[in-house]
Amino acid sequence: MESTGGSQSNEIDLFVIGNPLLDISVWENDNNLLEKYSLKLGDACLANEQQMPIYKELFERSDMKSSPGGAGLNACRGARYML
């Protein structure tokens, strides 16, 4: 923290580097989407070339919800809340 004129500043500069992530959620009553893209229930992975079309399919759905995140963004959110 930098202060000027003897008064203490309440401003804090925070710089964070991290991996950006985007959580995408849709409702499924069966495993057709998982089977179509060779995915496992409850698993997390990076999409391979065969799985890349899933993004277009998900973003075209009316029940799709997305939430930005990632370690860096979540750390910033936590710091903002605490500070």
C-alpha atoms as a PDB file:
ATOM      1  CA  MET A   1       0.000   0.000   0.000  1.00  0.00           C
ATOM      2  CA  GLU A   2       1.226   3.425  -0.852  1.00  0.00           C
ATOM      3  CA  SER A   3       0.352   6.465   1.206  1.00  0.00           C
ATOM      4  CA  THR A   4       0.763  10.144   0.451  1.00  0.00           C
ATOM      5  CA  GLY A   5       0.865  13.129   2.755  1.00  0.00           C
ATOM      6  CA  GLY A   6       0.890  11.052   5.924  1.00  0.00           C
ATOM      7  CA  SER A   7      -2.576   9.555   5.349  1.00  0.00           C
ATOM      8  CA  GLN A   8      -2.961   5.863   4.722  1.00  0.00           C
ATOM      9  CA  SER A   9      -4.756   4.779   1.534  1.00  0.00           C
ATOM     10  CA  ASN A  10      -7.406   2.042   1.662  1.00  0.00           C
ATOM     11  CA  GLU A  11      -6.801   1.071  -1.964  1.00  0.00           C
ATOM     12  CA  ILE A  12      -4.984  -2.145  -2.794  1.00  0.00           C
ATOM     13  CA  ASP A  13      -3.706  -3.131  -6.224  1.00  0.00           C
ATOM     14  CA  LEU A  14      -4.153  -6.816  -6.914  1.00  0.00           C
ATOM     15  CA  PHE A  15      -2.700  -8.574  -9.952  1.00  0.00           C
ATOM     16  CA  VAL A  16      -3.572 -12.222 -10.566  1.00  0.00           C
ATOM     17  CA  ILE A  17      -2.533 -14.602 -13.344  1.00  0.00           C
ATOM     18  CA  GLY A  18      -4.446 -17.838 -13.768  1.00  0.00           C
ATOM     19  CA  ASN A  19      -6.115 -20.229 -16.156  1.00  0.00           C
ATOM     20  CA  PRO A  20      -9.483 -18.998 -17.402  1.00  0.00           C
ATOM     21  CA  LEU A  21     -12.331 -21.478 -17.227  1.00  0.00           C
ATOM     22  CA  LEU A  22     -15.944 -21.401 -18.290  1.00  0.00           C
ATOM     23  CA  ASP A  23     -18.386 -23.734 -16.577  1.00  0.00           C
ATOM     24  CA  ILE A  24     -21.244 -24.775 -18.877  1.00  0.00           C
ATOM     25  CA  SER A  25     -24.344 -26.496 -17.473  1.00  0.00           C
ATOM     26  CA  VAL A  26     -27.306 -28.116 -19.214  1.00  0.00           C
ATOM     27  CA  TRP A  27     -30.055 -30.488 -18.037  1.00  0.00           C
ATOM     28  CA  GLU A  28     -29.823 -34.083 -19.305  1.00  0.00           C
ATOM     29  CA  ASN A  29     -32.185 -36.962 -18.477  1.00  0.00           C
ATOM     30  CA  ASP A  30     -29.991 -39.573 -20.140  1.00  0.00           C
ATOM     31  CA  ASN A  31     -26.355 -40.096 -21.082  1.00  0.00           C
ATOM     32  CA  ASN A  32     -26.751 -39.474 -24.838  1.00  0.00           C
ATOM     33  CA  LEU A  33     -24.622 -36.322 -24.832  1.00  0.00           C
ATOM     34  CA  LEU A  34     -21.912 -38.021 -22.773  1.00  0.00           C
ATOM     35  CA  GLU A  35     -21.854 -41.040 -25.054  1.00  0.00           C
ATOM     36  CA  LYS A  36     -21.887 -38.913 -28.209  1.00  0.00           C
ATOM     37  CA  TYR A  37     -18.692 -37.116 -27.135  1.00  0.00           C
ATOM     38  CA  SER A  38     -17.020 -40.030 -25.254  1.00  0.00           C
ATOM     39  CA  LEU A  39     -17.276 -38.300 -21.871  1.00  0.00           C
ATOM     40  CA  LYS A  40     -17.595 -39.834 -18.403  1.00  0.00           C
ATOM     41  CA  LEU A  41     -20.189 -38.778 -15.832  1.00  0.00           C
ATOM     42  CA  GLY A  42     -18.610 -36.635 -13.104  1.00  0.00           C
ATOM     43  CA  ASP A  43     -15.292 -36.321 -14.944  1.00  0.00           C
ATOM     44  CA  ALA A  44     -13.387 -33.174 -15.934  1.00  0.00           C
ATOM     45  CA  CYS A  45     -11.093 -33.060 -18.956  1.00  0.00           C
ATOM     46  CA  LEU A  46      -9.783 -30.871 -21.743  1.00  0.00           C
ATOM     47  CA  ALA A  47     -11.773 -31.294 -24.941  1.00  0.00           C
ATOM     48  CA  ASN A  48     -10.014 -33.195 -27.680  1.00  0.00           C
ATOM     49  CA  GLU A  49     -10.552 -32.587 -31.406  1.00  0.00           C
ATOM     50  CA  GLN A  50     -13.516 -35.006 -31.592  1.00  0.00           C
ATOM     51  CA  GLN A  51     -15.228 -33.250 -28.670  1.00  0.00           C
ATOM     52  CA  MET A  52     -14.873 -29.658 -29.940  1.00  0.00           C
ATOM     53  CA  PRO A  53     -18.339 -29.597 -31.617  1.00  0.00           C
ATOM     54  CA  ILE A  54     -19.933 -29.995 -28.174  1.00  0.00           C
ATOM     55  CA  TYR A  55     -19.461 -26.266 -27.533  1.00  0.00           C
ATOM     56  CA  LYS A  56     -21.616 -25.224 -30.488  1.00  0.00           C
ATOM     57  CA  GLU A  57     -24.235 -27.783 -29.475  1.00  0.00           C
ATOM     58  CA  LEU A  58     -24.291 -26.591 -25.857  1.00  0.00           C
ATOM     59  CA  PHE A  59     -24.425 -22.876 -26.681  1.00  0.00           C
ATOM     60  CA  GLU A  60     -27.403 -23.442 -28.991  1.00  0.00           C
ATOM     61  CA  ARG A  61     -29.466 -24.982 -26.172  1.00  0.00           C
ATOM     62  CA  SER A  62     -32.033 -22.810 -24.402  1.00  0.00           C
ATOM     63  CA  ASP A  63     -31.259 -24.394 -21.000  1.00  0.00           C
ATOM     64  CA  MET A  64     -27.509 -23.658 -21.192  1.00  0.00           C
ATOM     65  CA  LYS A  65     -26.052 -21.681 -18.293  1.00  0.00           C
ATOM     66  CA  SER A  66     -22.447 -20.504 -18.189  1.00  0.00           C
ATOM     67  CA  SER A  67     -20.334 -19.187 -15.346  1.00  0.00           C
ATOM     68  CA  PRO A  68     -16.827 -17.763 -15.765  1.00  0.00           C
ATOM     69  CA  GLY A  69     -14.274 -18.976 -13.260  1.00  0.00           C
ATOM     70  CA  GLY A  70     -10.842 -20.426 -12.854  1.00  0.00           C
ATOM     71  CA  ALA A  71      -8.293 -20.312 -10.082  1.00  0.00           C
ATOM     72  CA  GLY A  72      -7.222 -16.716 -10.789  1.00  0.00           C
ATOM     73  CA  LEU A  73     -10.715 -15.299 -11.111  1.00  0.00           C
ATOM     74  CA  ASN A  74     -11.928 -17.150  -8.030  1.00  0.00           C
ATOM     75  CA  ALA A  75      -8.911 -15.886  -6.032  1.00  0.00           C
ATOM     76  CA  CYS A  76      -9.799 -12.315  -7.081  1.00  0.00           C
ATOM     77  CA  ARG A  77     -13.400 -12.816  -6.055  1.00  0.00           C
ATOM     78  CA  GLY A  78     -12.306 -14.137  -2.660  1.00  0.00           C
ATOM     79  CA  ALA A  79      -9.833 -11.270  -2.148  1.00  0.00           C
ATOM     80  CA  ARG A  80     -12.482  -8.702  -3.121  1.00  0.00           C
ATOM     81  CA  TYR A  81     -14.892 -10.190  -0.616  1.00  0.00           C
ATOM     82  CA  MET A  82     -12.292 -10.262   2.166  1.00  0.00           C
ATOM     83  CA  LEU A  83     -10.838  -6.811   1.473  1.00  0.00           C
END
